[in-house]
Amino acid sequence: MYLSISMPVDVGLIGASGISDAHTPAYRDFQDRIRLTGVCDVDEEQAIHIAEKYDAEYWIDFESFVEEVDATAVDIALPHALHFPAAKAALEAGKHVFIEKPFATSMEECFDLVELAERENRQLMVGMVQRYHPRHRAVKSLLDAGDLGPIHSGRIDMLQNLPEAGFPSSHWLYDGEHAGGGGILSVLVHKLDLLRYFLGDARRAIEMSKTVHEAFDDAEDYGVGLLEFENGTMVDFLTHSSISCVILTQLVV
C-alpha cells in the first residue's frame, strides 16, 4: 500500500529521550519534508525541552496526544513494550505510524498492527533503517545483478556492553518485560533484517541464548544461532550485550 502525503508532513513524536535523539535531527535538517508539531513524554520537563526547540506543543500521555495533536503521522520512540499500545492508539486515531525497532514484543502484536493499519488505510513503518544505507543498497544491487555469484554462507556479529556503555542497572533495556528480550531483539534485529533484504526470507532458524550478567532480568545478554534461507544460504550469528569489548558490528557473506 502506498499513500500520497503532501509535504511537509506534520509529525508528533512520542518519546522525547533515549533513541529519539537519533530521530530529532531529521526534524531540524529536513524542515521542507517534515515538521514536528507535538511532543509527548511522561517526563514533562523533557517533553517541554524538546517541544520548545521545535516550537511544538507537548503532552505527557500518548492516549490524549494521538487524539489531540495536529499531525498527520506519529513517530514512536518508546521502550519496546509500549510500541504496540502506542501504535494501536495512533492508528485508531487515524495517524500514520513510524515505529522505532523492534516492531513489537510478540508476533501477535505485529500482525495485529499490520491488520489494523490495513483496515484504517494508514501507513505503518518500522525503523529498519539499515537497508537504506548507501553501502547496503550498493551490495543489494550487486547481489541482484549476480555480480557476487551465489552466496553460500554468512556470519553476523553484534557485540556491545551495556553496563560499560553507561546504562545503569535500573534501565529498562535489562528488563525482559519492558524490552521484550535481550540483545537479539534489541540490536541484532537490525542485522537480521538486513540479511532478509540481501537474501530473502529464512526458512529455518535455530537459536540458543543465556543470561550471564546480573543486571539482566528475563533477558539474554548472550545469544547464538543459525539461519537457513530459502535460497539455500546458511548464516550463523553471535550477539553479546555485556562482554568487555570494543563495540563491534559486522556482516560477512
C-alpha atoms as a PDB file:
ATOM      1  CA  MET A   1       0.000   0.000   0.000  1.00  0.00           C
ATOM      2  CA  TYR A   2       1.310   3.461  -0.903  1.00  0.00           C
ATOM      3  CA  LEU A   3      -0.413   6.650   0.129  1.00  0.00           C
ATOM      4  CA  SER A   4       0.429  10.053  -1.293  1.00  0.00           C
ATOM      5  CA  ILE A   5       1.060  12.558   1.501  1.00  0.00           C
ATOM      6  CA  SER A   6       1.616  16.273   0.901  1.00  0.00           C
ATOM      7  CA  MET A   7       4.828  17.884   2.155  1.00  0.00           C
ATOM      8  CA  PRO A   8       5.820  18.881   4.701  1.00  0.00           C
ATOM      9  CA  VAL A   9       4.329  16.111   6.837  1.00  0.00           C
ATOM     10  CA  ASP A  10       3.264  17.226  10.313  1.00  0.00           C
ATOM     11  CA  VAL A  11       4.576  14.681  12.819  1.00  0.00           C
ATOM     12  CA  GLY A  12       4.061  14.088  16.523  1.00  0.00           C
ATOM     13  CA  LEU A  13       6.895  12.499  18.500  1.00  0.00           C
ATOM     14  CA  ILE A  14       6.075  10.004  21.262  1.00  0.00           C
ATOM     15  CA  GLY A  15       9.145   9.576  23.445  1.00  0.00           C
ATOM     16  CA  ALA A  16      11.467  12.551  23.912  1.00  0.00           C
ATOM     17  CA  SER A  17      14.696  10.986  25.171  1.00  0.00           C
ATOM     18  CA  GLY A  18      16.946   7.999  24.547  1.00  0.00           C
ATOM     19  CA  ILE A  19      16.676   6.735  20.971  1.00  0.00           C
ATOM     20  CA  SER A  20      14.624   9.770  19.961  1.00  0.00           C
ATOM     21  CA  ASP A  21      17.930  11.648  19.960  1.00  0.00           C
ATOM     22  CA  ALA A  22      18.593   9.805  16.680  1.00  0.00           C
ATOM     23  CA  HIS A  23      15.240  10.990  15.286  1.00  0.00           C
ATOM     24  CA  THR A  24      15.093  14.678  16.175  1.00  0.00           C
ATOM     25  CA  PRO A  25      17.967  15.829  13.917  1.00  0.00           C
ATOM     26  CA  ALA A  26      15.770  14.952  10.928  1.00  0.00           C
ATOM     27  CA  TYR A  27      13.153  17.446  12.111  1.00  0.00           C
ATOM     28  CA  ARG A  28      15.877  20.085  12.177  1.00  0.00           C
ATOM     29  CA  ASP A  29      17.562  19.187   8.886  1.00  0.00           C
ATOM     30  CA  PHE A  30      14.576  18.404   6.637  1.00  0.00           C
ATOM     31  CA  GLN A  31      12.001  21.016   7.518  1.00  0.00           C
ATOM     32  CA  ASP A  32      10.789  21.133   3.914  1.00  0.00           C
ATOM     33  CA  ARG A  33       9.658  17.500   4.307  1.00  0.00           C
ATOM     34  CA  ILE A  34       8.712  17.010   7.950  1.00  0.00           C
ATOM     35  CA  ARG A  35       7.568  19.364  10.689  1.00  0.00           C
ATOM     36  CA  LEU A  36       7.453  18.454  14.371  1.00  0.00           C
ATOM     37  CA  THR A  37       4.162  19.776  15.730  1.00  0.00           C
ATOM     38  CA  GLY A  38       3.845  17.871  19.001  1.00  0.00           C
ATOM     39  CA  VAL A  39       5.953  16.051  21.583  1.00  0.00           C
ATOM     40  CA  CYS A  40       4.805  13.517  24.170  1.00  0.00           C
ATOM     41  CA  ASP A  41       6.746  12.120  27.116  1.00  0.00           C
ATOM     42  CA  VAL A  42       5.858  11.088  30.666  1.00  0.00           C
ATOM     43  CA  ASP A  43       8.781  13.258  31.774  1.00  0.00           C
ATOM     44  CA  GLU A  44       7.096  16.652  31.446  1.00  0.00           C
ATOM     45  CA  GLU A  45      10.361  18.582  31.746  1.00  0.00           C
ATOM     46  CA  GLN A  46      11.893  16.627  28.870  1.00  0.00           C
ATOM     47  CA  ALA A  47       8.748  16.983  26.761  1.00  0.00           C
ATOM     48  CA  ILE A  48       8.839  20.748  27.257  1.00  0.00           C
ATOM     49  CA  HIS A  49      12.567  20.859  26.470  1.00  0.00           C
ATOM     50  CA  ILE A  50      12.155  19.185  23.067  1.00  0.00           C
ATOM     51  CA  ALA A  51       8.885  20.949  22.251  1.00  0.00           C
ATOM     52  CA  GLU A  52      10.420  24.378  22.812  1.00  0.00           C
ATOM     53  CA  LYS A  53      13.272  23.557  20.433  1.00  0.00           C
ATOM     54  CA  TYR A  54      10.809  22.977  17.604  1.00  0.00           C
ATOM     55  CA  ASP A  55       8.060  25.426  18.536  1.00  0.00           C
ATOM     56  CA  ALA A  56       5.754  22.464  19.172  1.00  0.00           C
ATOM     57  CA  GLU A  57       3.074  21.651  21.738  1.00  0.00           C
ATOM     58  CA  TYR A  58       3.620  18.968  24.368  1.00  0.00           C
ATOM     59  CA  TRP A  59       1.672  16.222  26.159  1.00  0.00           C
ATOM     60  CA  ILE A  60       2.505  13.733  28.915  1.00  0.00           C
ATOM     61  CA  ASP A  61       0.246  10.798  27.921  1.00  0.00           C
ATOM     62  CA  PHE A  62       0.079   9.240  24.471  1.00  0.00           C
ATOM     63  CA  GLU A  63      -3.635   8.402  24.625  1.00  0.00           C
ATOM     64  CA  SER A  64      -4.562  12.097  24.697  1.00  0.00           C
ATOM     65  CA  PHE A  65      -1.686  13.018  22.420  1.00  0.00           C
ATOM     66  CA  VAL A  66      -2.755  10.891  19.438  1.00  0.00           C
ATOM     67  CA  GLU A  67      -6.293  12.278  19.618  1.00  0.00           C
ATOM     68  CA  GLU A  68      -5.371  15.930  20.049  1.00  0.00           C
ATOM     69  CA  VAL A  69      -2.069  16.578  18.261  1.00  0.00           C
ATOM     70  CA  ASP A  70      -2.267  18.443  14.956  1.00  0.00           C
ATOM     71  CA  ALA A  71      -0.267  15.864  12.999  1.00  0.00           C
ATOM     72  CA  THR A  72      -0.667  13.509  10.076  1.00  0.00           C
ATOM     73  CA  ALA A  73       1.751  10.928  11.494  1.00  0.00           C
ATOM     74  CA  VAL A  74       3.419   9.917  14.738  1.00  0.00           C
ATOM     75  CA  ASP A  75       6.986   8.827  15.408  1.00  0.00           C
ATOM     76  CA  ILE A  76       7.162   6.277  18.245  1.00  0.00           C
ATOM     77  CA  ALA A  77      10.446   6.115  20.185  1.00  0.00           C
ATOM     78  CA  LEU A  78       9.426   4.349  23.382  1.00  0.00           C
ATOM     79  CA  PRO A  79      10.533   1.295  25.388  1.00  0.00           C
ATOM     80  CA  HIS A  80       9.741  -1.785  23.334  1.00  0.00           C
ATOM     81  CA  ALA A  81       6.764  -2.991  25.371  1.00  0.00           C
ATOM     82  CA  LEU A  82       4.995   0.321  24.672  1.00  0.00           C
ATOM     83  CA  HIS A  83       5.353   0.121  20.894  1.00  0.00           C
ATOM     84  CA  PHE A  84       2.157  -1.887  20.475  1.00  0.00           C
ATOM     85  CA  PRO A  85      -0.241   0.160  22.659  1.00  0.00           C
ATOM     86  CA  ALA A  86       1.090   3.485  21.344  1.00  0.00           C
ATOM     87  CA  ALA A  87       0.949   2.399  17.690  1.00  0.00           C
ATOM     88  CA  LYS A  88      -2.513   0.893  18.147  1.00  0.00           C
ATOM     89  CA  ALA A  89      -3.827   4.107  19.691  1.00  0.00           C
ATOM     90  CA  ALA A  90      -2.262   6.209  16.926  1.00  0.00           C
ATOM     91  CA  LEU A  91      -3.662   4.085  14.102  1.00  0.00           C
ATOM     92  CA  GLU A  92      -7.118   4.109  15.687  1.00  0.00           C
ATOM     93  CA  ALA A  93      -6.841   7.901  15.862  1.00  0.00           C
ATOM     94  CA  GLY A  94      -6.231   7.999  12.105  1.00  0.00           C
ATOM     95  CA  LYS A  95      -2.495   8.701  12.198  1.00  0.00           C
ATOM     96  CA  HIS A  96       0.212   7.199  10.007  1.00  0.00           C
ATOM     97  CA  VAL A  97       2.820   5.489  12.199  1.00  0.00           C
ATOM     98  CA  PHE A  98       6.594   5.122  12.237  1.00  0.00           C
ATOM     99  CA  ILE A  99       7.857   2.794  14.985  1.00  0.00           C
ATOM    100  CA  GLU A 100      11.430   2.534  16.206  1.00  0.00           C
ATOM    101  CA  LYS A 101      12.713  -1.040  16.035  1.00  0.00           C
ATOM    102  CA  PRO A 102      11.812  -3.630  17.173  1.00  0.00           C
ATOM    103  CA  PHE A 103       8.291  -3.664  15.740  1.00  0.00           C
ATOM    104  CA  ALA A 104       6.745  -5.012  18.960  1.00  0.00           C
ATOM    105  CA  THR A 105       7.470  -7.682  21.567  1.00  0.00           C
ATOM    106  CA  SER A 106       5.442 -10.538  20.051  1.00  0.00           C
ATOM    107  CA  MET A 107       4.448 -11.782  16.618  1.00  0.00           C
ATOM    108  CA  GLU A 108       0.784 -11.491  17.603  1.00  0.00           C
ATOM    109  CA  GLU A 109       1.200  -7.776  18.297  1.00  0.00           C
ATOM    110  CA  CYS A 110       2.993  -7.275  14.978  1.00  0.00           C
ATOM    111  CA  PHE A 111       0.251  -8.989  12.968  1.00  0.00           C
ATOM    112  CA  ASP A 112      -2.442  -7.076  14.880  1.00  0.00           C
ATOM    113  CA  LEU A 113      -0.832  -3.745  13.960  1.00  0.00           C
ATOM    114  CA  VAL A 114      -0.454  -4.701  10.294  1.00  0.00           C
ATOM    115  CA  GLU A 115      -4.114  -5.706  10.112  1.00  0.00           C
ATOM    116  CA  LEU A 116      -5.200  -2.521  11.903  1.00  0.00           C
ATOM    117  CA  ALA A 117      -3.172  -0.319   9.529  1.00  0.00           C
ATOM    118  CA  GLU A 118      -4.780  -2.047   6.546  1.00  0.00           C
ATOM    119  CA  ARG A 119      -8.280  -1.538   7.966  1.00  0.00           C
ATOM    120  CA  GLU A 120      -7.597   2.117   8.731  1.00  0.00           C
ATOM    121  CA  ASN A 121      -5.824   2.660   5.383  1.00  0.00           C
ATOM    122  CA  ARG A 122      -2.811   4.127   7.209  1.00  0.00           C
ATOM    123  CA  GLN A 123       0.914   3.827   6.520  1.00  0.00           C
ATOM    124  CA  LEU A 124       2.802   1.740   9.100  1.00  0.00           C
ATOM    125  CA  MET A 125       6.596   1.535   9.006  1.00  0.00           C
ATOM    126  CA  VAL A 126       9.237   0.062  11.325  1.00  0.00           C
ATOM    127  CA  GLY A 127      12.620   1.736  11.677  1.00  0.00           C
ATOM    128  CA  MET A 128      14.701  -0.945   9.991  1.00  0.00           C
ATOM    129  CA  VAL A 129      16.840   1.803   8.552  1.00  0.00           C
ATOM    130  CA  GLN A 130      19.978  -0.110   7.657  1.00  0.00           C
ATOM    131  CA  ARG A 131      18.601  -1.306   4.342  1.00  0.00           C
ATOM    132  CA  TYR A 132      18.556   2.345   3.235  1.00  0.00           C
ATOM    133  CA  HIS A 133      22.268   2.980   3.839  1.00  0.00           C
ATOM    134  CA  PRO A 134      24.002   3.660   0.509  1.00  0.00           C
ATOM    135  CA  ARG A 135      26.616   0.942   1.040  1.00  0.00           C
ATOM    136  CA  HIS A 136      23.940  -1.649   1.796  1.00  0.00           C
ATOM    137  CA  ARG A 137      21.901  -0.657  -1.260  1.00  0.00           C
ATOM    138  CA  ALA A 138      25.064  -0.987  -3.341  1.00  0.00           C
ATOM    139  CA  VAL A 139      25.574  -4.529  -2.028  1.00  0.00           C
ATOM    140  CA  LYS A 140      21.941  -5.333  -2.776  1.00  0.00           C
ATOM    141  CA  SER A 141      22.414  -4.139  -6.382  1.00  0.00           C
ATOM    142  CA  LEU A 142      25.468  -6.363  -6.791  1.00  0.00           C
ATOM    143  CA  LEU A 143      23.601  -9.349  -5.372  1.00  0.00           C
ATOM    144  CA  ASP A 144      20.556  -8.785  -7.572  1.00  0.00           C
ATOM    145  CA  ALA A 145      22.769  -8.483 -10.651  1.00  0.00           C
ATOM    146  CA  GLY A 146      24.551 -11.732  -9.795  1.00  0.00           C
ATOM    147  CA  ASP A 147      27.925  -9.959  -9.743  1.00  0.00           C
ATOM    148  CA  LEU A 148      28.947 -11.665  -6.479  1.00  0.00           C
ATOM    149  CA  GLY A 149      27.912 -15.135  -7.594  1.00  0.00           C
ATOM    150  CA  PRO A 150      25.922 -17.496  -5.354  1.00  0.00           C
ATOM    151  CA  ILE A 151      26.105 -16.729  -1.618  1.00  0.00           C
ATOM    152  CA  HIS A 152      26.568 -19.985   0.273  1.00  0.00           C
ATOM    153  CA  SER A 153      27.145 -18.750   3.830  1.00  0.00           C
ATOM    154  CA  GLY A 154      27.399 -15.687   6.017  1.00  0.00           C
ATOM    155  CA  ARG A 155      28.017 -14.518   9.568  1.00  0.00           C
ATOM    156  CA  ILE A 156      26.767 -11.723  11.834  1.00  0.00           C
ATOM    157  CA  ASP A 157      28.500 -10.450  14.974  1.00  0.00           C
ATOM    158  CA  MET A 158      26.842  -7.802  17.131  1.00  0.00           C
ATOM    159  CA  LEU A 159      28.862  -7.125  20.283  1.00  0.00           C
ATOM    160  CA  GLN A 160      28.304  -4.420  22.872  1.00  0.00           C
ATOM    161  CA  ASN A 161      28.484  -3.856  26.626  1.00  0.00           C
ATOM    162  CA  LEU A 162      25.500  -2.040  28.087  1.00  0.00           C
ATOM    163  CA  PRO A 163      26.958  -1.761  31.641  1.00  0.00           C
ATOM    164  CA  GLU A 164      30.242  -0.303  30.399  1.00  0.00           C
ATOM    165  CA  ALA A 165      28.389   1.957  27.944  1.00  0.00           C
ATOM    166  CA  GLY A 166      26.834   3.765  30.902  1.00  0.00           C
ATOM    167  CA  PHE A 167      23.390   2.185  31.067  1.00  0.00           C
ATOM    168  CA  PRO A 168      22.508   1.927  34.808  1.00  0.00           C
ATOM    169  CA  SER A 169      21.216  -1.397  36.125  1.00  0.00           C
ATOM    170  CA  SER A 170      17.769   0.199  36.523  1.00  0.00           C
ATOM    171  CA  HIS A 171      17.468   0.858  32.759  1.00  0.00           C
ATOM    172  CA  TRP A 172      14.532  -0.864  31.050  1.00  0.00           C
ATOM    173  CA  LEU A 173      16.812  -2.475  28.437  1.00  0.00           C
ATOM    174  CA  TYR A 174      17.893  -5.018  31.070  1.00  0.00           C
ATOM    175  CA  ASP A 175      14.282  -5.940  31.861  1.00  0.00           C
ATOM    176  CA  GLY A 176      12.790  -8.567  29.564  1.00  0.00           C
ATOM    177  CA  GLU A 177       9.244  -7.483  30.427  1.00  0.00           C
ATOM    178  CA  HIS A 178       9.871  -3.972  29.093  1.00  0.00           C
ATOM    179  CA  ALA A 179      12.444  -4.769  26.406  1.00  0.00           C
ATOM    180  CA  GLY A 180      10.751  -7.922  25.089  1.00  0.00           C
ATOM    181  CA  GLY A 181      14.043  -9.806  25.357  1.00  0.00           C
ATOM    182  CA  GLY A 182      17.724  -9.018  25.229  1.00  0.00           C
ATOM    183  CA  GLY A 183      20.363  -8.398  22.593  1.00  0.00           C
ATOM    184  CA  ILE A 184      18.709 -10.409  19.821  1.00  0.00           C
ATOM    185  CA  LEU A 185      15.549  -8.306  19.776  1.00  0.00           C
ATOM    186  CA  SER A 186      17.156  -5.033  20.801  1.00  0.00           C
ATOM    187  CA  VAL A 187      20.130  -4.764  18.432  1.00  0.00           C
ATOM    188  CA  LEU A 188      20.722  -7.913  16.369  1.00  0.00           C
ATOM    189  CA  VAL A 189      17.309  -7.402  14.772  1.00  0.00           C
ATOM    190  CA  HIS A 190      18.897  -4.718  12.571  1.00  0.00           C
ATOM    191  CA  LYS A 191      21.274  -7.242  11.010  1.00  0.00           C
ATOM    192  CA  LEU A 192      18.625  -9.946  10.751  1.00  0.00           C
ATOM    193  CA  ASP A 193      16.502  -7.534   8.737  1.00  0.00           C
ATOM    194  CA  LEU A 194      19.499  -6.633   6.597  1.00  0.00           C
ATOM    195  CA  LEU A 195      20.013 -10.323   5.827  1.00  0.00           C
ATOM    196  CA  ARG A 196      16.404 -10.594   4.683  1.00  0.00           C
ATOM    197  CA  TYR A 197      16.985  -7.560   2.461  1.00  0.00           C
ATOM    198  CA  PHE A 198      20.050  -9.208   0.912  1.00  0.00           C
ATOM    199  CA  LEU A 199      18.992 -12.855   0.824  1.00  0.00           C
ATOM    200  CA  GLY A 200      15.204 -13.089   1.128  1.00  0.00           C
ATOM    201  CA  ASP A 201      13.233 -14.936   3.782  1.00  0.00           C
ATOM    202  CA  ALA A 202      14.645 -17.574   6.114  1.00  0.00           C
ATOM    203  CA  ARG A 203      13.001 -20.996   6.173  1.00  0.00           C
ATOM    204  CA  ARG A 204      14.627 -22.382   9.309  1.00  0.00           C
ATOM    205  CA  ALA A 205      16.118 -20.900  12.485  1.00  0.00           C
ATOM    206  CA  ILE A 206      17.959 -22.369  15.465  1.00  0.00           C
ATOM    207  CA  GLU A 207      18.758 -20.146  18.463  1.00  0.00           C
ATOM    208  CA  MET A 208      20.334 -20.547  21.888  1.00  0.00           C
ATOM    209  CA  SER A 209      20.706 -17.834  24.490  1.00  0.00           C
ATOM    210  CA  LYS A 210      21.509 -17.321  28.132  1.00  0.00           C
ATOM    211  CA  THR A 211      21.710 -14.645  30.801  1.00  0.00           C
ATOM    212  CA  VAL A 212      25.129 -14.078  32.374  1.00  0.00           C
ATOM    213  CA  HIS A 213      25.334 -10.545  33.770  1.00  0.00           C
ATOM    214  CA  GLU A 214      23.334  -9.970  36.946  1.00  0.00           C
ATOM    215  CA  ALA A 215      21.797  -6.740  35.615  1.00  0.00           C
ATOM    216  CA  PHE A 216      19.738  -8.635  33.030  1.00  0.00           C
ATOM    217  CA  ASP A 217      16.346  -9.916  34.181  1.00  0.00           C
ATOM    218  CA  ASP A 218      14.495 -12.323  31.888  1.00  0.00           C
ATOM    219  CA  ALA A 219      16.585 -11.001  29.002  1.00  0.00           C
ATOM    220  CA  GLU A 220      19.504 -12.662  27.251  1.00  0.00           C
ATOM    221  CA  ASP A 221      22.895 -10.993  27.093  1.00  0.00           C
ATOM    222  CA  TYR A 222      24.451 -13.866  25.117  1.00  0.00           C
ATOM    223  CA  GLY A 223      22.881 -15.332  22.004  1.00  0.00           C
ATOM    224  CA  VAL A 224      23.955 -17.558  19.126  1.00  0.00           C
ATOM    225  CA  GLY A 225      22.035 -19.067  16.248  1.00  0.00           C
ATOM    226  CA  LEU A 226      21.847 -20.464  12.745  1.00  0.00           C
ATOM    227  CA  LEU A 227      19.623 -19.411   9.863  1.00  0.00           C
ATOM    228  CA  GLU A 228      18.885 -21.233   6.628  1.00  0.00           C
ATOM    229  CA  PHE A 229      17.430 -19.058   3.881  1.00  0.00           C
ATOM    230  CA  GLU A 230      15.044 -20.133   1.165  1.00  0.00           C
ATOM    231  CA  ASN A 231      17.810 -19.672  -1.415  1.00  0.00           C
ATOM    232  CA  GLY A 232      19.997 -22.153   0.498  1.00  0.00           C
ATOM    233  CA  THR A 233      22.349 -19.647   2.152  1.00  0.00           C
ATOM    234  CA  MET A 234      23.395 -20.562   5.702  1.00  0.00           C
ATOM    235  CA  VAL A 235      24.190 -17.825   8.244  1.00  0.00           C
ATOM    236  CA  ASP A 236      25.381 -18.030  11.845  1.00  0.00           C
ATOM    237  CA  PHE A 237      25.062 -15.168  14.317  1.00  0.00           C
ATOM    238  CA  LEU A 238      26.569 -14.125  17.638  1.00  0.00           C
ATOM    239  CA  THR A 239      25.454 -11.319  19.922  1.00  0.00           C
ATOM    240  CA  HIS A 240      26.738 -10.234  23.344  1.00  0.00           C
ATOM    241  CA  SER A 241      25.366  -7.357  25.402  1.00  0.00           C
ATOM    242  CA  SER A 242      27.652  -7.483  28.449  1.00  0.00           C
ATOM    243  CA  ILE A 243      31.060  -8.551  27.139  1.00  0.00           C
ATOM    244  CA  SER A 244      34.058  -6.257  27.626  1.00  0.00           C
ATOM    245  CA  CYS A 245      34.891  -5.283  24.083  1.00  0.00           C
ATOM    246  CA  VAL A 246      35.078  -2.568  21.532  1.00  0.00           C
ATOM    247  CA  ILE A 247      31.568  -2.231  20.054  1.00  0.00           C
ATOM    248  CA  LEU A 248      31.586  -4.463  17.004  1.00  0.00           C
ATOM    249  CA  THR A 249      29.047  -4.894  14.258  1.00  0.00           C
ATOM    250  CA  GLN A 250      29.938  -6.944  11.223  1.00  0.00           C
ATOM    251  CA  LEU A 251      28.149  -8.791   8.488  1.00  0.00           C
ATOM    252  CA  VAL A 252      30.208 -11.149   6.344  1.00  0.00           C
ATOM    253  CA  VAL A 253      28.914 -13.128   3.353  1.00  0.00           C
END
